[in-house]
PDB file of N, CA and C in Angstrom:
ATOM      1  N   MET A   1     120.559  76.515  92.035  1.00  0.00           N
ATOM      2  CA  MET A   1     120.117  75.707  93.143  1.00  0.00           C
ATOM      3  C   MET A   1     119.376  74.490  92.586  1.00  0.00           C
ATOM      4  N   VAL A   2     119.618  73.344  93.192  1.00  0.00           N
ATOM      5  CA  VAL A   2     119.003  72.088  92.787  1.00  0.00           C
ATOM      6  C   VAL A   2     118.212  71.549  93.968  1.00  0.00           C
ATOM      7  N   ARG A   3     116.997  71.059  93.720  1.00  0.00           N
ATOM      8  CA  ARG A   3     116.198  70.438  94.784  1.00  0.00           C
ATOM      9  C   ARG A   3     116.155  68.940  94.555  1.00  0.00           C
ATOM     10  N   TYR A   4     116.422  68.196  95.613  1.00  0.00           N
ATOM     11  CA  TYR A   4     116.345  66.736  95.573  1.00  0.00           C
ATOM     12  C   TYR A   4     115.773  66.272  96.902  1.00  0.00           C
ATOM     13  N   GLU A   5     114.677  65.562  96.873  1.00  0.00           N
ATOM     14  CA  GLU A   5     113.984  65.068  98.068  1.00  0.00           C
ATOM     15  C   GLU A   5     113.734  66.181  99.079  1.00  0.00           C
ATOM     16  N   GLY A   6     113.307  67.333  98.580  1.00  0.00           N
ATOM     17  CA  GLY A   6     112.963  68.446  99.453  1.00  0.00           C
ATOM     18  C   GLY A   6     114.151  69.211 100.005  1.00  0.00           C
ATOM     19  N   ILE A   7     115.364  68.810  99.637  1.00  0.00           N
ATOM     20  CA  ILE A   7     116.572  69.491 100.106  1.00  0.00           C
ATOM     21  C   ILE A   7     117.088  70.366  98.979  1.00  0.00           C
ATOM     22  N   ALA A   8     117.365  71.615  99.296  1.00  0.00           N
ATOM     23  CA  ALA A   8     117.913  72.522  98.291  1.00  0.00           C
ATOM     24  C   ALA A   8     119.433  72.472  98.371  1.00  0.00           C
ATOM     25  N   TYR A   9     120.061  72.204  97.251  1.00  0.00           N
ATOM     26  CA  TYR A   9     121.513  72.177  97.167  1.00  0.00           C
ATOM     27  C   TYR A   9     121.974  73.399  96.389  1.00  0.00           C
ATOM     28  N   SER A  10     122.809  74.195  96.997  1.00  0.00           N
ATOM     29  CA  SER A  10     123.428  75.308  96.302  1.00  0.00           C
ATOM     30  C   SER A  10     124.804  74.806  95.881  1.00  0.00           C
ATOM     31  N   CYS A  11     124.881  74.270  94.704  1.00  0.00           N
ATOM     32  CA  CYS A  11     126.063  73.537  94.265  1.00  0.00           C
ATOM     33  C   CYS A  11     127.146  74.454  93.734  1.00  0.00           C
ATOM     34  N   LYS A  12     128.319  74.293  94.295  1.00  0.00           N
ATOM     35  CA  LYS A  12     129.486  75.020  93.807  1.00  0.00           C
ATOM     36  C   LYS A  12     130.289  74.148  92.853  1.00  0.00           C
ATOM     37  N   GLY A  13     130.216  72.842  93.038  1.00  0.00           N
ATOM     38  CA  GLY A  13     130.960  71.929  92.186  1.00  0.00           C
ATOM     39  C   GLY A  13     130.033  71.215  91.222  1.00  0.00           C
ATOM     40  N   ILE A  14     130.004  71.659  89.987  1.00  0.00           N
ATOM     41  CA  ILE A  14     129.173  71.041  88.957  1.00  0.00           C
ATOM     42  C   ILE A  14     130.093  70.631  87.819  1.00  0.00           C
ATOM     43  N   GLY A  15     129.969  69.374  87.393  1.00  0.00           N
ATOM     44  CA  GLY A  15     130.852  68.913  86.331  1.00  0.00           C
ATOM     45  C   GLY A  15     130.154  68.014  85.340  1.00  0.00           C
ATOM     46  N   TRP A  16     130.724  67.934  84.150  1.00  0.00           N
ATOM     47  CA  TRP A  16     130.238  67.062  83.083  1.00  0.00           C
ATOM     48  C   TRP A  16     131.390  66.189  82.649  1.00  0.00           C
ATOM     49  N   ASP A  17     131.177  64.871  82.633  1.00  0.00           N
ATOM     50  CA  ASP A  17     132.184  63.931  82.161  1.00  0.00           C
ATOM     51  C   ASP A  17     131.702  63.389  80.820  1.00  0.00           C
ATOM     52  N   ALA A  18     132.350  63.797  79.738  1.00  0.00           N
ATOM     53  CA  ALA A  18     131.935  63.406  78.394  1.00  0.00           C
ATOM     54  C   ALA A  18     132.161  61.923  78.128  1.00  0.00           C
ATOM     55  N   VAL A  19     133.123  61.316  78.800  1.00  0.00           N
ATOM     56  CA  VAL A  19     133.412  59.893  78.588  1.00  0.00           C
ATOM     57  C   VAL A  19     132.290  59.026  79.166  1.00  0.00           C
ATOM     58  N   THR A  20     131.900  59.284  80.411  1.00  0.00           N
ATOM     59  CA  THR A  20     130.851  58.493  81.059  1.00  0.00           C
ATOM     60  C   THR A  20     129.467  59.112  80.894  1.00  0.00           C
ATOM     61  N   GLU A  21     129.422  60.300  80.319  1.00  0.00           N
ATOM     62  CA  GLU A  21     128.176  61.051  80.120  1.00  0.00           C
ATOM     63  C   GLU A  21     127.398  61.202  81.420  1.00  0.00           C
ATOM     64  N   THR A  22     128.068  61.739  82.445  1.00  0.00           N
ATOM     65  CA  THR A  22     127.431  61.972  83.730  1.00  0.00           C
ATOM     66  C   THR A  22     127.592  63.424  84.150  1.00  0.00           C
ATOM     67  N   VAL A  23     126.580  63.901  84.871  1.00  0.00           N
ATOM     68  CA  VAL A  23     126.623  65.213  85.492  1.00  0.00           C
ATOM     69  C   VAL A  23     126.861  64.974  86.973  1.00  0.00           C
ATOM     70  N   THR A  24     127.847  65.636  87.547  1.00  0.00           N
ATOM     71  CA  THR A  24     128.169  65.462  88.956  1.00  0.00           C
ATOM     72  C   THR A  24     127.988  66.784  89.690  1.00  0.00           C
ATOM     73  N   LEU A  25     127.261  66.738  90.801  1.00  0.00           N
ATOM     74  CA  LEU A  25     127.062  67.900  91.662  1.00  0.00           C
ATOM     75  C   LEU A  25     127.692  67.586  93.007  1.00  0.00           C
ATOM     76  N   GLN A  26     128.511  68.496  93.523  1.00  0.00           N
ATOM     77  CA  GLN A  26     129.162  68.280  94.808  1.00  0.00           C
ATOM     78  C   GLN A  26     128.920  69.481  95.697  1.00  0.00           C
ATOM     79  N   GLU A  27     128.425  69.219  96.915  1.00  0.00           N
ATOM     80  CA  GLU A  27     128.209  70.282  97.884  1.00  0.00           C
ATOM     81  C   GLU A  27     127.866  69.674  99.228  1.00  0.00           C
ATOM     82  N   ALA A  28     128.287  70.315 100.273  1.00  0.00           N
ATOM     83  CA  ALA A  28     127.951  69.949 101.657  1.00  0.00           C
ATOM     84  C   ALA A  28     128.214  68.475 101.958  1.00  0.00           C
ATOM     85  N   GLY A  29     129.295  67.942 101.416  1.00  0.00           N
ATOM     86  CA  GLY A  29     129.670  66.569 101.702  1.00  0.00           C
ATOM     87  C   GLY A  29     128.903  65.507 100.935  1.00  0.00           C
ATOM     88  N   HIS A  30     128.075  65.903  99.988  1.00  0.00           N
ATOM     89  CA  HIS A  30     127.311  64.956  99.184  1.00  0.00           C
ATOM     90  C   HIS A  30     127.769  65.013  97.733  1.00  0.00           C
ATOM     91  N   ILE A  31     127.680  63.873  97.063  1.00  0.00           N
ATOM     92  CA  ILE A  31     127.979  63.792  95.634  1.00  0.00           C
ATOM     93  C   ILE A  31     126.763  63.191  94.953  1.00  0.00           C
ATOM     94  N   LEU A  32     126.173  63.949  94.021  1.00  0.00           N
ATOM     95  CA  LEU A  32     125.033  63.477  93.240  1.00  0.00           C
ATOM     96  C   LEU A  32     125.492  63.308  91.807  1.00  0.00           C
ATOM     97  N   ARG A  33     125.196  62.148  91.224  1.00  0.00           N
ATOM     98  CA  ARG A  33     125.541  61.893  89.817  1.00  0.00           C
ATOM     99  C   ARG A  33     124.270  61.587  89.042  1.00  0.00           C
ATOM    100  N   PHE A  34     124.091  62.275  87.925  1.00  0.00           N
ATOM    101  CA  PHE A  34     122.925  62.090  87.075  1.00  0.00           C
ATOM    102  C   PHE A  34     123.385  61.596  85.715  1.00  0.00           C
ATOM    103  N   TYR A  35     122.570  60.742  85.116  1.00  0.00           N
ATOM    104  CA  TYR A  35     122.871  60.142  83.820  1.00  0.00           C
ATOM    105  C   TYR A  35     121.788  60.574  82.830  1.00  0.00           C
ATOM    106  N   PRO A  36     122.043  61.588  82.020  1.00  0.00           N
ATOM    107  CA  PRO A  36     121.032  62.043  81.064  1.00  0.00           C
ATOM    108  C   PRO A  36     120.514  60.881  80.207  1.00  0.00           C
ATOM    109  N   GLY A  37     119.187  60.812  80.101  1.00  0.00           N
ATOM    110  CA  GLY A  37     118.558  59.756  79.318  1.00  0.00           C
ATOM    111  C   GLY A  37     118.256  58.495  80.100  1.00  0.00           C
ATOM    112  N   ARG A  38     118.705  58.422  81.365  1.00  0.00           N
ATOM    113  CA  ARG A  38     118.447  57.243  82.202  1.00  0.00           C
ATOM    114  C   ARG A  38     117.702  57.681  83.461  1.00  0.00           C
ATOM    115  N   ALA A  39     116.694  56.937  83.843  1.00  0.00           N
ATOM    116  CA  ALA A  39     115.879  57.275  85.011  1.00  0.00           C
ATOM    117  C   ALA A  39     116.515  56.729  86.288  1.00  0.00           C
ATOM    118  N   GLU A  40     117.766  57.104  86.513  1.00  0.00           N
ATOM    119  CA  GLU A  40     118.463  56.731  87.740  1.00  0.00           C
ATOM    120  C   GLU A  40     119.537  57.761  88.043  1.00  0.00           C
ATOM    121  N   MET A  41     119.977  57.746  89.285  1.00  0.00           N
ATOM    122  CA  MET A  41     121.033  58.644  89.737  1.00  0.00           C
ATOM    123  C   MET A  41     121.812  57.943  90.840  1.00  0.00           C
ATOM    124  N   GLU A  42     122.879  58.574  91.293  1.00  0.00           N
ATOM    125  CA  GLU A  42     123.630  58.089  92.455  1.00  0.00           C
ATOM    126  C   GLU A  42     123.699  59.217  93.467  1.00  0.00           C
ATOM    127  N   ARG A  43     123.509  58.864  94.708  1.00  0.00           N
ATOM    128  CA  ARG A  43     123.728  59.815  95.798  1.00  0.00           C
ATOM    129  C   ARG A  43     124.725  59.164  96.736  1.00  0.00           C
ATOM    130  N   ASP A  44     125.878  59.765  96.831  1.00  0.00           N
ATOM    131  CA  ASP A  44     126.956  59.244  97.681  1.00  0.00           C
ATOM    132  C   ASP A  44     127.250  57.779  97.386  1.00  0.00           C
ATOM    133  N   GLY A  45     127.262  57.422  96.084  1.00  0.00           N
ATOM    134  CA  GLY A  45     127.628  56.087  95.654  1.00  0.00           C
ATOM    135  C   GLY A  45     126.510  55.071  95.629  1.00  0.00           C
ATOM    136  N   ARG A  46     125.304  55.437  96.076  1.00  0.00           N
ATOM    137  CA  ARG A  46     124.170  54.518  96.062  1.00  0.00           C
ATOM    138  C   ARG A  46     123.204  54.881  94.941  1.00  0.00           C
ATOM    139  N   ARG A  47     122.899  53.924  94.086  1.00  0.00           N
ATOM    140  CA  ARG A  47     121.988  54.162  92.956  1.00  0.00           C
ATOM    141  C   ARG A  47     120.550  54.264  93.433  1.00  0.00           C
ATOM    142  N   GLN A  48     119.826  55.187  92.799  1.00  0.00           N
ATOM    143  CA  GLN A  48     118.415  55.392  93.122  1.00  0.00           C
ATOM    144  C   GLN A  48     117.651  55.611  91.834  1.00  0.00           C
ATOM    145  N   ALA A  49     116.433  55.109  91.797  1.00  0.00           N
ATOM    146  CA  ALA A  49     115.573  55.311  90.635  1.00  0.00           C
ATOM    147  C   ALA A  49     114.969  56.706  90.676  1.00  0.00           C
ATOM    148  N   LEU A  50     114.758  57.274  89.490  1.00  0.00           N
ATOM    149  CA  LEU A  50     114.078  58.564  89.350  1.00  0.00           C
ATOM    150  C   LEU A  50     112.751  58.340  88.642  1.00  0.00           C
ATOM    151  N   ASP A  51     111.815  59.237  88.829  1.00  0.00           N
ATOM    152  CA  ASP A  51     110.529  59.142  88.142  1.00  0.00           C
ATOM    153  C   ASP A  51     110.675  59.385  86.646  1.00  0.00           C
ATOM    154  N   ALA A  52     111.656  60.199  86.276  1.00  0.00           N
ATOM    155  CA  ALA A  52     111.879  60.520  84.866  1.00  0.00           C
ATOM    156  C   ALA A  52     113.373  60.715  84.636  1.00  0.00           C
ATOM    157  N   ALA A  53     113.807  60.486  83.423  1.00  0.00           N
ATOM    158  CA  ALA A  53     115.217  60.677  83.085  1.00  0.00           C
ATOM    159  C   ALA A  53     115.511  62.161  82.916  1.00  0.00           C
ATOM    160  N   PRO A  54     116.637  62.622  83.441  1.00  0.00           N
ATOM    161  CA  PRO A  54     117.007  64.033  83.248  1.00  0.00           C
ATOM    162  C   PRO A  54     117.454  64.290  81.818  1.00  0.00           C
TER     163      PRO A  54
END
């Protein structure tokens, strides 16, 4: 389970793309993309800043 902005996501679709170095979580109609080492993410195609890099 992943928590983001107080919402718990029980993710069934988790993937790693070695070419773009992104982690993608898919569940309940949302797509979250995380970039290890960068303090930003995407939620449904919109970039957002994070307090810390994953």
